Protein backbone atom coordinates (compact mmCIF):
# COMPACT_ATOMS: atom_id res chain seq x y z
CA MET A 1 -118.06 20.46 -110.23
CA ASN A 2 -120.05 17.67 -108.55
CA SER A 3 -123.49 17.52 -110.10
CA ALA A 4 -124.98 16.68 -106.68
CA THR A 5 -124.01 20.11 -105.38
CA ASN A 6 -124.87 21.96 -108.57
CA LYS A 7 -128.16 23.83 -108.08
CA THR A 8 -130.24 25.97 -110.36
CA VAL A 9 -131.14 29.52 -109.38
CA THR A 10 -134.87 28.82 -109.67
CA GLN A 11 -134.74 25.76 -107.37
CA GLN A 12 -133.24 27.30 -104.22
CA ALA A 13 -133.61 30.30 -102.06
CA VAL A 14 -131.97 33.53 -103.19
CA ILE A 15 -128.42 33.73 -101.77
CA LYS A 16 -125.77 36.37 -101.42
CA LEU A 17 -123.08 35.79 -104.01
CA ALA A 18 -119.39 35.85 -103.15
CA VAL A 19 -117.50 37.97 -105.69
CA PRO A 20 -113.73 38.34 -106.32
CA GLY A 21 -112.54 41.45 -104.53
CA THR A 22 -115.21 43.91 -103.52
CA GLY A 23 -118.40 44.74 -105.39
CA TYR A 24 -119.27 48.37 -105.98
CA ILE A 25 -122.17 50.24 -107.49
CA CYS A 26 -120.61 52.73 -109.87
CA PHE A 27 -121.70 55.84 -111.75
CA ASP A 28 -119.94 56.42 -115.01
CA GLY A 29 -117.26 53.98 -113.85
CA VAL A 30 -116.59 55.71 -110.53
CA PRO A 31 -117.31 53.61 -107.35
CA LYS A 32 -120.04 55.08 -105.17
CA LEU A 33 -120.70 52.39 -102.59
CA ALA A 34 -119.68 48.86 -101.72
CA VAL A 35 -122.76 46.67 -102.18
CA ALA A 36 -123.77 42.99 -102.06
CA VAL A 37 -125.30 41.17 -104.99
CA PHE A 38 -127.76 38.31 -104.75
CA SER A 39 -128.47 35.34 -107.07
CA ASP A 40 -131.70 36.97 -108.27
CA GLY A 41 -129.72 39.97 -109.51
CA LYS A 42 -130.78 42.36 -106.79
CA LEU A 43 -128.19 44.71 -105.22
CA ASP A 44 -128.31 45.43 -101.46
CA LEU A 45 -127.45 48.95 -100.47
CA VAL A 46 -128.20 47.97 -96.79
CA GLY A 47 -129.99 51.22 -96.16
CA ALA A 48 -127.03 53.34 -97.27
CA ASP A 49 -127.45 56.67 -99.08
CA LEU A 50 -125.42 57.10 -102.24
CA GLY A 51 -125.24 60.85 -101.60
CA ASP A 52 -126.98 63.91 -102.95
CA SER A 53 -124.44 64.84 -105.66
CA VAL A 54 -126.04 62.73 -108.40
CA TYR A 55 -129.69 62.57 -109.50
CA TRP A 56 -130.75 59.30 -111.07
CA THR A 57 -133.92 57.84 -112.54
CA PRO A 58 -135.04 54.37 -113.68
CA THR A 59 -133.94 55.33 -117.19
CA SER A 60 -130.36 56.19 -116.30
CA ASP A 61 -127.91 54.00 -118.09
CA GLU A 62 -124.64 55.24 -116.52
CA TRP A 63 -124.83 52.84 -113.57
CA SER A 64 -122.99 49.52 -113.21
CA PHE A 65 -121.98 46.86 -110.66
CA ARG A 66 -118.23 46.31 -110.81
CA PHE A 67 -116.06 43.82 -108.97
CA GLY A 68 -112.72 41.98 -109.05
CA LEU A 69 -109.11 43.05 -108.64
CA THR A 70 -108.56 46.74 -109.12
CA ARG A 71 -105.70 49.15 -109.53
CA ALA A 72 -106.12 51.44 -106.56
CA SER A 73 -105.19 54.51 -108.63
CA ASP A 74 -108.23 54.45 -110.91
CA PHE A 75 -110.43 51.54 -109.76
CA ASP A 76 -110.07 49.65 -113.09
CA PHE A 77 -112.29 46.72 -112.27
CA GLU A 78 -111.95 43.31 -113.93
CA TYR A 79 -115.69 42.72 -114.28
CA THR A 80 -118.60 45.07 -115.16
CA LEU A 81 -122.32 44.32 -115.18
CA ASP A 82 -124.88 47.02 -116.15
CA ALA A 83 -127.13 47.93 -113.22
CA LYS A 84 -130.47 49.69 -113.14
CA LEU A 85 -132.70 51.49 -110.66
CA VAL A 86 -135.90 49.45 -110.30
CA GLU A 87 -137.80 51.73 -107.95
CA GLY A 88 -137.21 55.35 -106.98
CA ALA A 89 -136.28 58.60 -108.69
CA SER A 90 -134.47 60.68 -106.13
CA SER A 91 -131.08 61.19 -104.54
CA ASP A 92 -132.13 59.28 -101.42
CA GLY A 93 -130.43 55.93 -102.16
CA ALA A 94 -131.68 54.39 -98.95
CA ASP A 95 -135.27 54.24 -100.41
CA ASP A 96 -134.29 52.96 -103.90
CA ARG A 97 -134.06 49.41 -105.18
CA TRP A 98 -131.37 48.32 -107.64
CA GLU A 99 -130.68 45.19 -109.66
CA ILE A 100 -128.44 43.87 -112.45
CA SER A 101 -129.93 44.78 -115.78
CA GLU A 102 -131.44 42.17 -118.13
CA LYS A 103 -128.43 42.61 -120.44
CA GLY A 104 -126.09 41.97 -117.53
CA MET A 105 -127.91 38.80 -116.49
CA GLN A 106 -127.65 37.49 -120.03
CA SER A 107 -123.86 37.91 -120.02
CA ASP A 108 -121.09 35.36 -119.62
CA ILE A 109 -119.84 37.40 -116.59
CA TRP A 110 -123.06 36.71 -114.78
CA SER A 111 -123.09 33.01 -115.70
CA ASP A 112 -119.49 32.71 -114.48
CA LEU A 113 -120.28 34.43 -111.20
CA LEU A 114 -123.18 32.08 -110.58
CA SER A 115 -121.01 29.10 -111.43
CA LYS A 116 -118.39 30.12 -108.94
CA ASN A 117 -121.13 30.21 -106.32
CA GLY A 118 -122.33 26.67 -107.16
CA LEU A 119 -125.28 27.89 -109.25
CA THR A 120 -126.25 27.64 -112.89
CA ARG A 121 -128.39 29.98 -114.97
CA THR A 122 -131.29 28.07 -116.48
CA ASP A 123 -133.08 28.67 -119.77
CA GLU A 124 -136.22 29.33 -117.65
CA THR A 125 -135.04 32.89 -117.03
CA THR A 126 -134.53 33.61 -120.71
CA ALA A 127 -137.20 31.57 -122.44
CA PHE A 128 -139.27 34.49 -123.60
CA ARG A 129 -138.96 38.05 -124.81
CA ALA A 130 -139.77 40.75 -122.20
CA ALA A 131 -143.26 42.14 -122.68
CA THR A 132 -145.46 44.93 -121.37
CA LEU A 133 -148.63 43.85 -119.52
CA TYR A 134 -151.58 46.16 -118.90
CA VAL A 135 -153.87 44.70 -116.18
CA GLU A 136 -157.20 45.87 -114.96
CA ALA A 137 -157.17 47.66 -111.57
CA PHE A 138 -159.74 48.38 -108.87
CA SER A 139 -160.12 50.79 -105.99
CA SER A 140 -161.94 50.20 -102.74
CA HIS A 141 -163.41 53.72 -102.87
CA ALA A 142 -164.55 56.18 -105.54
CA PHE A 143 -161.20 57.88 -105.24
CA PRO A 144 -158.70 57.11 -106.59
CA ASP A 145 -160.25 56.03 -109.88
CA ALA A 146 -157.41 53.71 -110.94
CA ARG A 147 -158.32 51.83 -114.13
CA TRP A 148 -155.17 49.81 -114.86
CA ALA A 149 -151.54 49.12 -114.02
CA GLN A 150 -148.58 48.73 -116.36
CA VAL A 151 -146.24 45.85 -115.55
CA GLU A 152 -142.95 45.25 -117.32
CA LEU A 153 -142.64 41.46 -117.51
CA SER A 154 -138.89 40.89 -117.50
CA PRO A 155 -137.50 37.36 -117.18
CA GLN A 156 -136.26 38.35 -113.67
CA LEU A 157 -139.72 39.44 -112.55
CA VAL A 158 -141.44 36.34 -113.96
CA GLY A 159 -138.77 34.17 -112.44
CA ARG A 160 -139.35 35.79 -109.02
CA ILE A 161 -143.15 35.40 -109.32
CA LYS A 162 -142.67 31.66 -110.11
CA GLU A 163 -140.33 31.25 -107.15
CA LEU A 164 -142.93 32.77 -104.77
CA ARG A 165 -145.67 30.62 -106.37
CA ASP A 166 -143.59 27.49 -105.80
CA LEU A 167 -142.94 28.59 -102.18
CA CYS A 168 -146.71 28.84 -101.64
CA ARG A 169 -147.26 25.42 -103.08
CA SER A 170 -144.45 23.72 -101.13
CA LEU A 171 -145.45 25.22 -97.77
CA GLY A 172 -149.22 25.22 -98.35
CA LEU A 173 -149.50 29.01 -98.05
CA ALA A 174 -152.57 30.95 -99.31
CA ASP A 175 -150.28 33.71 -100.57
CA VAL A 176 -147.04 35.58 -99.84
CA ARG A 177 -146.13 39.20 -100.39
CA GLU A 178 -143.04 41.37 -100.81
CA PHE A 179 -142.38 44.99 -101.53
CA GLY A 180 -142.83 45.60 -105.26
CA ALA A 181 -144.66 47.96 -107.61
CA PRO A 182 -145.77 47.90 -111.25
CA ALA A 183 -144.09 50.31 -113.64
CA ALA A 184 -147.11 52.64 -113.48
CA TRP A 185 -150.70 53.04 -112.28
CA SER A 186 -153.23 55.03 -114.31
CA GLY A 187 -153.63 58.52 -112.90
CA GLU A 188 -150.97 57.92 -110.18
CA GLN A 189 -149.89 61.59 -110.25
CA GLN A 190 -153.22 62.51 -108.64
CA TRP A 191 -153.16 59.96 -105.82
CA ARG A 192 -149.51 59.09 -105.15
CA PRO A 193 -149.20 55.32 -104.57
CA ASP A 194 -147.58 54.29 -101.28
CA MET A 195 -146.50 50.99 -99.65
CA PRO A 196 -146.70 48.89 -102.83
CA HIS A 197 -146.71 45.11 -102.57
CA LEU A 198 -146.54 42.21 -105.00
CA ARG A 199 -148.66 39.30 -103.79
CA VAL A 200 -148.44 35.77 -105.11
CA SER A 201 -150.65 32.75 -104.49
CA PRO A 202 -150.18 29.16 -105.79
CA GLU A 203 -152.03 30.19 -108.95
CA ASP A 204 -152.05 34.01 -109.37
CA PHE A 205 -150.19 37.22 -108.68
CA TRP A 206 -151.44 40.79 -108.20
CA TYR A 207 -150.27 44.19 -106.97
CA GLU A 208 -151.78 46.28 -104.21
CA VAL A 209 -151.05 49.75 -102.90
CA ARG A 210 -152.48 52.34 -100.53
CA PRO A 211 -152.67 55.97 -101.78
CA LYS A 212 -150.97 58.55 -99.59
CA ASN A 213 -153.30 60.32 -97.21
CA VAL A 214 -156.38 58.40 -98.43
CA ASP A 215 -158.09 55.52 -96.59
CA ALA A 216 -158.41 53.26 -99.59
CA GLU A 217 -156.71 50.35 -101.30
CA VAL A 218 -155.94 49.91 -105.02
CA ARG A 219 -155.17 46.53 -106.48
CA THR A 220 -154.90 44.82 -109.75
CA GLN A 221 -156.90 41.89 -111.05
CA ALA A 222 -155.35 38.55 -110.17
CA VAL A 223 -153.21 37.35 -113.07
CA THR A 224 -153.12 33.61 -113.64
CA ILE A 225 -149.41 32.78 -113.73
CA ASP A 226 -149.37 29.59 -115.82
CA THR A 227 -151.55 31.17 -118.57
CA MET A 228 -149.42 34.26 -118.65
CA VAL A 229 -146.14 32.30 -118.87
CA ALA A 230 -147.59 30.15 -121.71
CA LEU A 231 -148.53 33.35 -123.62
CA LEU A 232 -145.07 34.84 -123.02
CA ASP A 233 -143.44 31.71 -124.47
CA GLN A 234 -145.09 32.33 -127.81
CA THR A 235 -143.16 33.98 -130.62
CA GLN A 236 -144.13 37.45 -131.62
CA SER A 237 -145.41 36.07 -134.97
CA GLY A 238 -147.58 33.41 -133.28
CA GLN A 239 -149.32 35.17 -130.44
CA HIS A 240 -152.68 33.76 -129.36
CA ASP A 241 -155.31 35.02 -126.96
CA THR A 242 -157.31 33.50 -124.14
CA GLY A 243 -160.55 34.50 -122.42
CA THR A 244 -158.76 36.87 -120.08
CA PHE A 245 -155.63 37.85 -122.06
CA LYS A 246 -155.33 39.56 -125.41
CA TRP A 247 -152.36 40.65 -127.46
CA ILE A 248 -152.90 44.07 -129.10
CA ASP A 249 -150.13 45.85 -131.02
CA GLY A 250 -147.43 43.78 -129.26
CA LYS A 251 -148.70 44.54 -125.72
CA LEU A 252 -150.49 42.01 -123.49
CA TYR A 253 -153.76 43.04 -121.87
CA CYS A 254 -155.45 41.30 -118.96
CA ASP A 255 -159.00 42.14 -118.16
CA GLY A 256 -161.71 39.91 -116.62
CA SER A 257 -164.44 41.26 -118.88
CA ASP A 258 -163.07 43.02 -121.99
CA ALA A 259 -159.39 43.33 -122.81
CA GLU A 260 -160.13 45.41 -125.95
CA THR A 261 -161.95 48.05 -123.91
CA LEU A 262 -158.99 48.12 -121.48
CA ALA A 263 -156.59 48.60 -124.45
CA GLU A 264 -158.73 51.55 -125.67
CA ALA A 265 -158.63 53.11 -122.23
CA VAL A 266 -154.82 52.79 -122.04
CA VAL A 267 -154.35 54.29 -125.50
CA ASP A 268 -156.73 57.22 -124.71
CA TYR A 269 -154.88 57.93 -121.41
CA LEU A 270 -151.42 57.81 -123.02
CA ASP A 271 -152.60 60.12 -125.81
CA GLU A 272 -154.00 62.59 -123.23
CA GLU A 273 -150.63 62.49 -121.39
CA LYS A 274 -148.68 63.27 -124.60
CA GLU A 275 -151.03 66.10 -125.41
CA ALA A 276 -150.64 67.57 -121.94
CA MET A 277 -146.83 67.40 -122.23
CA ARG A 278 -146.97 69.14 -125.63
CA SER A 279 -149.15 71.90 -124.16
CA GLU A 280 -146.70 72.41 -121.28
CA ASN A 281 -143.74 72.67 -123.66
CA ALA A 282 -145.52 74.96 -126.12
């Protein structure tokens, strides 16, 4: 391949990948819907509904993206990549977001698919271990009383944040936003987050959301991207803290005033949730 035409995923806009045969999202190996896949790993259901016969959640592990030549009798695909539900927990597939799993994006199949589309996977997407970030949150009103958000820092998410940061820098934009939500907000069962967005500036990123049926806005503290990435590049045995970030028990906490107090609040909240579940099951 000519090196002049060889591009890295992180240096160009996300593109739709051409796959051999037809790509399907499959449940337990059975094709459910023909879908497109993009170079950032996201699957495009183009507003289609997968149907009401199967209930799935973000923890379901029976889903996969399969493509290549098949035997029409049993859809025995040549290639299989694990897929996961990133947002949603219902049988309304039109509202859910899917992507290739981290394991899938580490595989030779994914690298080969990128190569056939003139792309290469760079070490930038796999330079660190995935980590959980707890970041301070604020509300514009007394309700909801959101204290923090939990963000799962996968290589794919960090790569996307860096892409949006670079876009801001190259075009001179103050910030950009796209639909996206953290893994959880504190107390979200009481105020039902709606219309979540990820916002990225040339230096920082944050999440914002509007509670359903409440005239308020909840958002996280702005997280400095370069500092966060430097902390994620550290080995688990050599983690160091900064003025805003602190590693505690393998989790990363970001709080503008006191990360240890935030960590205590998170632990107390999770302990209360576990106790409530035990009481319900008793």
